[in-house]
Amino acid sequence: MSKLMIGISGVRGVVGDNLTPELLVNLGQAFGTWADSGTVAVGRDTRVSGDMVKHAVFSGLLSAGCRIVDVGVCGTPSAAMMIRKLGANGGIIISASHNPIEWNALKFFRADGVYLNQEQGRELLDIYYGGDVKKVGYDKLNAVETDNGAAANHLRRLLAIVDVPALRKRRFRVAVDCCNGAGSALALEFLRVTGCEIFAIDCEMNGLFRRNPEPTREHVTAICGVVRENAADLGFAEDADADRVAFISEKGDYIGEEYSLCLAASHVLSRRRGRVVTNLSTTRMIDDVARGFDCEVVRTPVGEVNVAEAMIAGEAVIGGEGNGGVIDPRVHYGRDALTGVAIILQYMLESGKPLSRLAAAIPAYRMSKQRVECSKRSFSPVLKVLAREKADRVDTRDGVKLDFAEGWVNIRPSNTEPIVRVYAEARSQDEADKLAERYRLLVERLVKTAK
């Protein structure tokens, strides 16, 4: 049986295995109770299991007395923005994001369209595990309402941060791969409205992923070829729910997820100085970018809500995560692939430079990402040992991060999979690979010893 992931960031499982209708109904009841039987916005991505999951969740929410507004099939950022627009008590977005097609998940959001934080997530799980849910009679059941305005609302916000007439005049040639995911239609519409010539692959909203949804180098080779074949100015690839983006240069070279936030910050900070917020696993390139504008970088534990809350508290002008998630408060306090695309197009427009030159201006580091199959429970005793490792700086806010003069390594349990992630960064790929390999082997040995 596949591992069911239940945590404060949401619930993920495999359909037909452990993500059962019974579980989904119970989670819907628990969230409806947490939301005080108020209005709940529900959206989903294009996965073929989406309807099954949605209707089970609807049943749980309705039984708790909620008013449901179905915002339809749309990207996670589009659906999250609707929560606030509707004045809802919260929202559930049905999407397993970058996980393979057999997975699905529930993501829980509060009234401001931001993920539940750790305390709020624990409150929800206490209700779920305790079974103390609200149950209303037949006369208190509400009808499900529909609002199809998520994409249009999102598009308006995106267009407000770019110079549309100038972009139309420039007419960039853009290649796009949306993995047949929930952001497909909006991505194409944004490019059309901004006058781009479009070369699209896998932009049908049918949920049939022809590649792994995670937009990493090995998964997006096809769009690199499309850029080269059509002499495009830019290429980009989204994940299945459109909250992560990776860029491809005009040469057809994969620039990558780690550059998405750095490039966006380079442009935003050149126009308005301010604080930058990112997580502990994000590249040191962002520190170099911010330093060039005499701006501060604030680091948080991994998790979109941690970054978003720090951005709100510190009035940051840009933020995000190194997995291709860009957050611009002018649009929404959440990761958004198209926010990244909009900023980069505007950056290319104003600078008059191709993406390869803009990326080359950022001091380069190389990252190595490895993993160990391990549950959070098995990893817990390993943390104490790792925290005693010698380093220039040891940070234990999220797993263990060890900073060295020549690089860093962050070892932390995943919030979305039963694995421990081992991320390392250094000036060369060989150094990064060696650093990651060293600590991957150490973690494997320690986990075996702990058992």
Protein backbone atom coordinates (compact mmCIF):
# COMPACT_ATOMS: atom_id res chain seq x y z
CA MET A 1 0.00 0.00 0.00
CA SER A 2 1.26 3.49 -0.87
CA LYS A 3 1.92 5.90 1.95
CA LEU A 4 -0.94 8.26 2.77
CA MET A 5 0.43 11.70 3.62
CA ILE A 6 -1.67 13.54 6.22
CA GLY A 7 -0.14 16.74 7.52
CA ILE A 8 -0.66 20.42 8.10
CA SER A 9 0.07 21.18 4.44
CA GLY A 10 -2.75 18.92 3.26
CA VAL A 11 -3.56 15.31 2.51
CA ARG A 12 -2.08 13.34 -0.39
CA GLY A 13 -2.64 9.76 -1.46
CA VAL A 14 -3.11 7.39 -4.36
CA VAL A 15 -6.59 7.08 -5.82
CA GLY A 16 -7.88 3.51 -5.64
CA ASP A 17 -5.47 2.76 -2.84
CA ASN A 18 -5.61 4.96 0.23
CA LEU A 19 -7.28 8.17 -0.93
CA THR A 20 -10.77 6.76 -0.41
CA PRO A 21 -14.21 8.42 -0.62
CA GLU A 22 -14.70 7.75 3.09
CA LEU A 23 -11.50 9.58 3.96
CA LEU A 24 -12.41 12.49 1.71
CA VAL A 25 -15.90 12.85 3.20
CA ASN A 26 -14.43 12.87 6.72
CA LEU A 27 -11.85 15.49 5.76
CA GLY A 28 -14.57 17.62 4.19
CA GLN A 29 -16.59 17.41 7.42
CA ALA A 30 -13.55 18.34 9.48
CA PHE A 31 -12.69 21.35 7.31
CA GLY A 32 -16.33 22.47 7.25
CA THR A 33 -16.29 22.36 11.04
CA TRP A 34 -13.00 24.27 11.18
CA ALA A 35 -14.51 26.87 8.81
CA ASP A 36 -17.45 27.30 11.20
CA SER A 37 -19.93 25.95 8.65
CA GLY A 38 -19.36 29.03 6.51
CA THR A 39 -18.65 29.60 2.83
CA VAL A 40 -15.97 27.35 1.33
CA ALA A 41 -14.56 27.79 -2.17
CA VAL A 42 -13.56 24.55 -3.89
CA GLY A 43 -11.43 24.25 -7.02
CA ARG A 44 -9.57 21.39 -8.67
CA ASP A 45 -6.92 20.65 -11.23
CA THR A 46 -7.39 18.54 -14.36
CA ARG A 47 -6.60 15.12 -12.88
CA VAL A 48 -9.03 12.45 -14.07
CA SER A 49 -9.82 11.59 -10.43
CA GLY A 50 -10.89 15.17 -9.73
CA ASP A 51 -14.64 14.67 -9.99
CA MET A 52 -14.63 11.69 -7.64
CA VAL A 53 -12.60 13.58 -5.06
CA LYS A 54 -14.63 16.77 -5.44
CA HIS A 55 -18.01 15.16 -4.89
CA ALA A 56 -16.80 13.27 -1.83
CA VAL A 57 -15.47 16.52 -0.37
CA PHE A 58 -18.74 18.27 -1.25
CA SER A 59 -20.64 15.65 0.73
CA GLY A 60 -18.52 16.25 3.83
CA LEU A 61 -18.74 20.04 3.57
CA LEU A 62 -22.49 20.03 3.01
CA SER A 63 -23.05 17.70 5.95
CA ALA A 64 -21.26 20.26 8.14
CA GLY A 65 -23.65 22.99 6.97
CA CYS A 66 -21.27 24.80 4.62
CA ARG A 67 -22.15 26.96 1.64
CA ILE A 68 -20.01 25.67 -1.22
CA VAL A 69 -18.87 27.78 -4.16
CA ASP A 70 -17.44 25.55 -6.88
CA VAL A 71 -14.84 27.62 -8.76
CA GLY A 72 -14.23 24.82 -11.24
CA VAL A 73 -11.09 23.53 -12.91
CA CYS A 74 -8.29 26.08 -12.53
CA GLY A 75 -4.77 26.44 -11.21
CA THR A 76 -4.09 26.57 -7.50
CA PRO A 77 -3.23 30.31 -7.55
CA SER A 78 -6.44 31.12 -9.48
CA ALA A 79 -8.57 29.19 -7.01
CA ALA A 80 -6.78 30.67 -3.99
CA MET A 81 -7.44 34.21 -5.22
CA MET A 82 -11.16 33.42 -5.45
CA ILE A 83 -11.32 32.55 -1.74
CA ARG A 84 -10.59 36.14 -0.82
CA LYS A 85 -12.67 37.59 -3.66
CA LEU A 86 -15.71 35.61 -2.52
CA GLY A 87 -15.22 36.52 1.13
CA ALA A 88 -15.19 32.81 1.94
CA ASN A 89 -14.23 31.36 5.31
CA GLY A 90 -11.67 29.18 3.57
CA GLY A 91 -11.07 26.94 0.60
CA ILE A 92 -10.12 23.46 -0.50
CA ILE A 93 -8.11 22.99 -3.67
CA ILE A 94 -8.02 19.47 -5.06
CA SER A 95 -4.61 18.94 -6.60
CA ALA A 96 -1.57 16.76 -6.07
CA SER A 97 0.55 19.43 -7.75
CA HIS A 98 3.79 17.84 -9.02
CA ASN A 99 2.91 14.26 -7.98
CA PRO A 100 2.30 11.65 -10.71
CA ILE A 101 -1.15 11.15 -12.23
CA GLU A 102 -2.28 8.38 -9.85
CA TRP A 103 -2.07 10.77 -6.90
CA ASN A 104 -4.55 13.37 -5.76
CA ALA A 105 -4.70 15.63 -2.75
CA LEU A 106 -6.59 18.21 -0.72
CA LYS A 107 -4.94 21.55 0.02
CA PHE A 108 -6.51 23.64 2.76
CA PHE A 109 -6.66 27.44 2.66
CA ARG A 110 -7.85 30.12 5.05
CA ALA A 111 -9.94 33.23 4.35
CA ASP A 112 -7.07 35.32 2.93
CA GLY A 113 -6.29 32.71 0.28
CA VAL A 114 -3.11 31.52 2.02
CA TYR A 115 -2.46 27.94 3.12
CA LEU A 116 -3.28 27.03 6.71
CA ASN A 117 -0.25 27.63 8.92
CA GLN A 118 1.09 25.08 11.38
CA GLU A 119 -1.23 26.05 14.22
CA GLN A 120 -4.30 26.17 11.99
CA GLY A 121 -3.34 22.87 10.39
CA ARG A 122 -3.10 21.25 13.80
CA GLU A 123 -6.54 22.61 14.71
CA LEU A 124 -7.96 20.98 11.58
CA LEU A 125 -6.23 17.66 12.24
CA ASP A 126 -7.44 17.67 15.85
CA ILE A 127 -11.01 17.96 14.56
CA TYR A 128 -10.40 15.22 11.98
CA TYR A 129 -8.80 12.74 14.38
CA GLY A 130 -11.14 13.61 17.25
CA GLY A 131 -14.24 13.19 15.10
CA ASP A 132 -15.93 16.15 16.78
CA VAL A 133 -17.54 17.45 13.59
CA LYS A 134 -20.65 19.52 13.00
CA LYS A 135 -23.61 17.70 11.49
CA VAL A 136 -26.69 19.53 10.26
CA GLY A 137 -30.18 18.27 9.49
CA TYR A 138 -31.87 18.17 6.09
CA ASP A 139 -33.29 21.65 6.58
CA LYS A 140 -29.82 23.19 6.98
CA LEU A 141 -28.27 21.70 3.84
CA ASN A 142 -27.24 24.22 1.18
CA ALA A 143 -27.17 23.96 -2.59
CA VAL A 144 -23.78 24.01 -4.32
CA GLU A 145 -23.16 27.29 -6.16
CA THR A 146 -20.87 27.82 -9.16
CA ASP A 147 -18.58 30.72 -10.00
CA ASN A 148 -16.53 30.46 -13.21
CA GLY A 149 -14.67 33.75 -12.75
CA ALA A 150 -11.37 32.41 -11.35
CA ALA A 151 -9.35 32.67 -14.57
CA ALA A 152 -10.68 36.12 -15.46
CA ASN A 153 -9.96 37.42 -11.95
CA HIS A 154 -6.42 36.03 -12.11
CA LEU A 155 -5.82 37.47 -15.58
CA ARG A 156 -6.84 40.97 -14.48
CA ARG A 157 -4.29 40.86 -11.67
CA LEU A 158 -1.52 39.67 -13.98
CA LEU A 159 -2.17 42.32 -16.62
CA ALA A 160 -1.99 45.02 -13.95
CA ILE A 161 1.73 44.33 -13.35
CA VAL A 162 2.91 44.48 -16.99
CA ASP A 163 2.90 47.07 -19.77
CA VAL A 164 0.38 45.43 -22.08
CA PRO A 165 0.63 47.90 -25.01
CA ALA A 166 4.44 47.68 -25.03
CA LEU A 167 4.35 43.87 -24.86
CA ARG A 168 1.89 43.74 -27.74
CA LYS A 169 4.18 45.95 -29.79
CA ARG A 170 7.23 43.80 -28.96
CA ARG A 171 5.40 40.53 -29.82
CA PHE A 172 7.59 38.01 -28.05
CA ARG A 173 7.74 34.47 -29.45
CA VAL A 174 6.95 32.18 -26.51
CA ALA A 175 6.94 28.39 -26.23
CA VAL A 176 4.83 26.91 -23.44
CA ASP A 177 4.28 23.47 -21.89
CA CYS A 178 1.51 23.26 -19.27
CA CYS A 179 1.56 19.45 -18.89
CA ASN A 180 -2.14 19.38 -19.87
CA GLY A 181 -2.72 20.86 -16.44
CA ALA A 182 -5.07 23.32 -14.81
CA GLY A 183 -3.15 26.43 -15.86
CA SER A 184 -3.26 25.68 -19.60
CA ALA A 185 -6.14 27.89 -20.71
CA LEU A 186 -5.09 30.86 -18.60
CA ALA A 187 -1.47 30.65 -19.77
CA LEU A 188 -2.56 30.72 -23.41
CA GLU A 189 -4.99 33.57 -22.79
CA PHE A 190 -2.36 35.66 -20.98
CA LEU A 191 0.08 35.17 -23.86
CA ARG A 192 -2.60 36.05 -26.43
CA VAL A 193 -3.66 39.22 -24.60
CA THR A 194 -0.05 40.38 -24.30
CA GLY A 195 0.47 39.87 -28.05
CA CYS A 196 2.85 36.93 -27.89
CA GLU A 197 3.28 34.49 -30.75
CA ILE A 198 2.60 31.14 -29.10
CA PHE A 199 4.15 27.71 -29.66
CA ALA A 200 2.29 25.39 -27.32
CA ILE A 201 2.56 21.73 -26.40
CA ASP A 202 0.46 19.83 -23.87
CA CYS A 203 -1.87 22.74 -23.17
CA GLU A 204 -5.12 20.77 -23.25
CA MET A 205 -6.93 20.65 -19.93
CA ASN A 206 -7.50 16.90 -20.02
CA GLY A 207 -5.33 15.80 -17.09
CA LEU A 208 -3.39 13.29 -19.19
CA PHE A 209 0.18 14.10 -18.25
CA ARG A 210 2.58 13.14 -21.03
CA ARG A 211 5.51 13.96 -18.76
CA ASN A 212 6.16 13.99 -15.06
CA PRO A 213 4.39 17.17 -13.83
CA GLU A 214 7.43 18.43 -11.94
CA PRO A 215 9.16 20.94 -14.29
CA THR A 216 12.72 19.73 -13.72
CA ARG A 217 15.41 19.44 -16.40
CA GLU A 218 14.84 15.77 -17.21
CA HIS A 219 11.08 16.25 -17.61
CA VAL A 220 10.91 19.25 -19.97
CA THR A 221 13.25 18.35 -22.82
CA ALA A 222 10.38 18.56 -25.33
CA ILE A 223 9.73 22.27 -24.78
CA CYS A 224 13.47 23.00 -25.09
CA GLY A 225 13.26 21.51 -28.58
CA VAL A 226 10.18 23.61 -29.41
CA VAL A 227 12.10 26.78 -28.47
CA ARG A 228 14.98 25.87 -30.77
CA GLU A 229 12.78 24.73 -33.68
CA ASN A 230 10.75 27.94 -33.67
CA ALA A 231 13.46 30.45 -32.71
CA ALA A 232 11.36 31.46 -29.71
CA ASP A 233 12.47 34.28 -27.38
CA LEU A 234 11.44 32.34 -24.31
CA GLY A 235 10.09 29.00 -23.18
CA PHE A 236 8.46 27.97 -19.94
CA ALA A 237 7.02 24.84 -18.35
CA GLU A 238 4.44 24.71 -15.57
CA ASP A 239 3.54 21.97 -13.16
CA ALA A 240 0.05 20.45 -13.12
CA ASP A 241 -1.57 23.08 -10.89
CA ALA A 242 0.35 26.10 -12.24
CA ASP A 243 2.10 27.28 -9.09
CA ARG A 244 5.63 26.43 -10.28
CA VAL A 245 7.50 27.46 -13.42
CA ALA A 246 10.84 26.71 -15.05
CA PHE A 247 12.27 28.82 -17.88
CA ILE A 248 14.07 27.95 -21.10
CA SER A 249 16.32 30.51 -22.79
CA GLU A 250 16.12 31.64 -26.41
CA LYS A 251 18.90 29.12 -27.12
CA GLY A 252 16.70 26.24 -25.96
CA ASP A 253 18.73 25.78 -22.78
CA TYR A 254 16.98 24.83 -19.55
CA ILE A 255 17.58 27.66 -17.10
CA GLY A 256 15.65 26.00 -14.35
CA GLU A 257 13.46 26.38 -11.32
CA GLU A 258 16.12 27.89 -9.07
CA TYR A 259 16.50 30.83 -11.45
CA SER A 260 12.76 31.65 -11.58
CA LEU A 261 12.68 33.56 -8.29
CA CYS A 262 16.16 35.04 -8.82
CA LEU A 263 15.28 36.48 -12.23
CA ALA A 264 11.95 37.80 -10.95
CA ALA A 265 13.68 39.42 -7.96
CA SER A 266 16.31 40.99 -10.23
CA HIS A 267 13.59 42.86 -12.08
CA VAL A 268 11.32 43.71 -9.14
CA LEU A 269 14.17 45.03 -6.97
CA SER A 270 15.44 47.19 -9.83
CA ARG A 271 12.07 48.99 -9.75
CA ARG A 272 11.34 49.07 -6.03
CA ARG A 273 13.67 48.19 -3.18
CA GLY A 274 12.43 46.03 -0.36
CA ARG A 275 12.69 42.80 1.57
CA VAL A 276 12.92 39.41 -0.15
CA VAL A 277 11.58 36.27 1.54
CA THR A 278 12.44 32.69 0.63
CA ASN A 279 13.02 29.35 2.32
CA LEU A 280 16.11 27.67 3.71
CA SER A 281 16.49 25.36 0.70
CA THR A 282 16.59 28.12 -1.92
CA THR A 283 19.80 28.92 -3.77
CA ARG A 284 22.36 31.45 -2.52
CA MET A 285 21.89 33.21 -5.86
CA ILE A 286 18.96 35.07 -4.31
CA ASP A 287 21.29 36.50 -1.64
CA ASP A 288 23.64 37.75 -4.34
CA VAL A 289 20.75 39.33 -6.27
CA ALA A 290 19.39 41.10 -3.19
CA ARG A 291 22.85 42.23 -2.10
CA GLY A 292 23.27 43.98 -5.45
CA PHE A 293 20.33 46.22 -4.55
CA ASP A 294 21.28 46.53 -0.87
CA CYS A 295 18.17 44.57 0.11
CA GLU A 296 17.61 42.06 2.89
CA VAL A 297 16.79 38.36 2.43
CA VAL A 298 14.67 36.68 5.09
CA ARG A 299 14.76 32.87 5.21
CA THR A 300 11.95 30.67 6.53
CA PRO A 301 11.32 26.93 6.88
CA VAL A 302 10.17 25.29 3.65
CA GLY A 303 6.47 25.72 2.94
CA GLU A 304 4.55 28.31 1.00
CA VAL A 305 2.63 29.51 4.04
CA ASN A 306 5.87 30.21 5.93
CA VAL A 307 7.13 32.39 3.09
CA ALA A 308 3.76 34.12 2.61
CA GLU A 309 3.33 34.96 6.30
CA ALA A 310 6.87 36.34 6.51
CA MET A 311 6.22 38.42 3.40
CA ILE A 312 3.03 39.85 4.90
CA ALA A 313 4.67 40.57 8.25
CA GLY A 314 7.76 42.14 6.68
CA GLU A 315 5.98 43.89 3.79
CA ALA A 316 8.28 42.14 1.33
CA VAL A 317 8.21 43.18 -2.33
CA ILE A 318 8.99 39.73 -3.73
CA GLY A 319 9.33 36.19 -2.43
CA GLY A 320 8.99 32.56 -3.26
CA GLU A 321 10.76 29.23 -3.21
CA GLY A 322 13.55 27.67 -5.24
CA ASN A 323 11.20 25.11 -6.76
CA GLY A 324 9.98 27.64 -9.32
CA GLY A 325 7.42 29.31 -7.08
CA VAL A 326 7.29 33.10 -7.44
CA ILE A 327 5.18 35.24 -5.08
CA ASP A 328 4.43 38.88 -5.90
CA PRO A 329 2.09 40.60 -3.42
CA ARG A 330 0.72 42.79 -6.23
CA VAL A 331 -0.96 39.64 -7.56
CA HIS A 332 -1.41 37.28 -4.62
CA TYR A 333 0.42 35.97 -1.54
CA GLY A 334 0.91 32.57 -3.13
CA ARG A 335 3.22 30.86 -5.59
CA ASP A 336 2.11 31.49 -9.15
CA ALA A 337 3.74 30.29 -12.37
CA LEU A 338 2.18 33.05 -14.49
CA THR A 339 3.28 35.76 -12.09
CA GLY A 340 6.81 34.55 -12.80
CA VAL A 341 6.15 34.57 -16.55
CA ALA A 342 4.66 38.09 -16.45
CA ILE A 343 7.63 39.50 -14.53
CA ILE A 344 10.19 37.84 -16.82
CA LEU A 345 8.47 39.08 -19.99
CA GLN A 346 8.44 42.61 -18.54
CA TYR A 347 12.09 42.23 -17.54
CA MET A 348 13.07 41.18 -21.07
CA LEU A 349 10.99 44.02 -22.52
CA GLU A 350 12.51 46.77 -20.38
CA SER A 351 16.09 45.51 -20.48
CA GLY A 352 16.09 44.68 -24.17
CA LYS A 353 18.20 41.64 -23.28
CA PRO A 354 17.59 37.95 -24.04
CA LEU A 355 16.91 35.63 -21.14
CA SER A 356 20.30 33.92 -21.48
CA ARG A 357 22.08 37.22 -20.77
CA LEU A 358 19.80 38.09 -17.85
CA ALA A 359 20.48 34.69 -16.29
CA ALA A 360 24.22 34.92 -16.96
CA ALA A 361 24.36 38.16 -14.96
CA ILE A 362 23.48 36.25 -11.78
CA PRO A 363 26.49 34.62 -10.03
CA ALA A 364 26.14 30.90 -10.68
CA TYR A 365 25.91 28.07 -8.18
CA ARG A 366 25.13 24.42 -8.78
CA MET A 367 22.64 22.37 -6.80
CA SER A 368 22.28 18.65 -6.19
CA LYS A 369 18.95 17.23 -5.02
CA GLN A 370 18.88 13.72 -3.60
CA ARG A 371 16.45 11.77 -1.45
CA VAL A 372 16.19 8.95 1.04
CA GLU A 373 13.08 6.80 1.41
CA CYS A 374 12.14 7.46 5.00
CA SER A 375 9.13 8.51 7.09
CA LYS A 376 9.15 11.56 9.35
CA ARG A 377 8.93 9.27 12.37
CA SER A 378 12.01 7.26 11.34
CA PHE A 379 13.92 10.46 10.62
CA SER A 380 13.18 12.10 13.97
CA PRO A 381 16.07 10.50 15.96
CA VAL A 382 18.46 11.21 13.07
CA LEU A 383 17.90 14.97 13.41
CA LYS A 384 19.67 15.16 16.76
CA VAL A 385 22.76 13.49 15.35
CA LEU A 386 22.86 15.72 12.26
CA ALA A 387 22.51 18.84 14.40
CA ARG A 388 25.89 18.01 15.99
CA GLU A 389 27.71 18.10 12.65
CA LYS A 390 30.49 20.68 12.40
CA ALA A 391 29.63 23.64 10.16
CA ASP A 392 30.01 27.41 10.00
CA ARG A 393 26.33 27.67 10.90
CA VAL A 394 23.71 25.09 11.89
CA ASP A 395 20.00 25.91 11.46
CA THR A 396 17.44 23.46 12.88
CA ARG A 397 14.23 25.32 12.03
CA ASP A 398 13.48 22.90 9.19
CA GLY A 399 15.34 19.63 9.45
CA VAL A 400 19.01 20.57 9.61
CA LYS A 401 20.77 23.09 7.38
CA LEU A 402 24.55 23.13 7.50
CA ASP A 403 26.22 26.22 6.06
CA PHE A 404 29.85 26.11 4.95
CA ALA A 405 32.02 28.69 3.22
CA GLU A 406 32.01 26.60 0.04
CA GLY A 407 28.31 25.67 0.11
CA TRP A 408 25.47 24.29 2.17
CA VAL A 409 23.31 21.21 2.67
CA ASN A 410 19.72 21.06 3.93
CA ILE A 411 18.39 17.70 5.14
CA ARG A 412 14.68 17.71 5.85
CA PRO A 413 11.63 15.44 5.72
CA SER A 414 9.26 16.18 2.85
CA ASN A 415 5.83 17.67 3.57
CA THR A 416 4.33 15.90 0.57
CA GLU A 417 6.09 12.52 0.23
CA PRO A 418 7.45 9.82 2.61
CA ILE A 419 11.05 10.82 1.90
CA VAL A 420 13.88 12.87 3.34
CA ARG A 421 15.22 15.48 0.93
CA VAL A 422 18.96 16.15 0.81
CA TYR A 423 19.64 19.41 -1.02
CA ALA A 424 23.17 20.71 -1.43
CA GLU A 425 24.65 23.70 -3.24
CA ALA A 426 28.19 24.69 -4.18
CA ARG A 427 30.09 26.60 -6.85
CA SER A 428 30.51 23.55 -9.08
CA GLN A 429 28.23 20.60 -9.87
CA ASP A 430 30.88 18.15 -8.76
CA GLU A 431 31.21 19.83 -5.35
CA ALA A 432 27.43 19.96 -4.92
CA ASP A 433 27.03 16.30 -5.89
CA LYS A 434 29.76 15.23 -3.47
CA LEU A 435 28.24 17.24 -0.63
CA ALA A 436 24.76 15.82 -1.23
CA GLU A 437 26.08 12.29 -1.64
CA ARG A 438 28.07 12.53 1.58
CA TYR A 439 25.01 13.46 3.61
CA ARG A 440 22.63 11.13 1.75
CA LEU A 441 24.84 8.19 2.71
CA LEU A 442 25.08 9.50 6.28
CA VAL A 443 21.30 9.79 6.57
CA GLU A 444 20.82 6.27 5.17
CA ARG A 445 23.30 4.89 7.70
CA LEU A 446 21.75 6.76 10.60
CA VAL A 447 18.21 5.68 9.64
CA LYS A 448 19.31 2.03 9.53
CA THR A 449 21.03 2.40 12.91
CA ALA A 450 17.96 4.05 14.42
CA LYS A 451 15.78 1.11 13.34
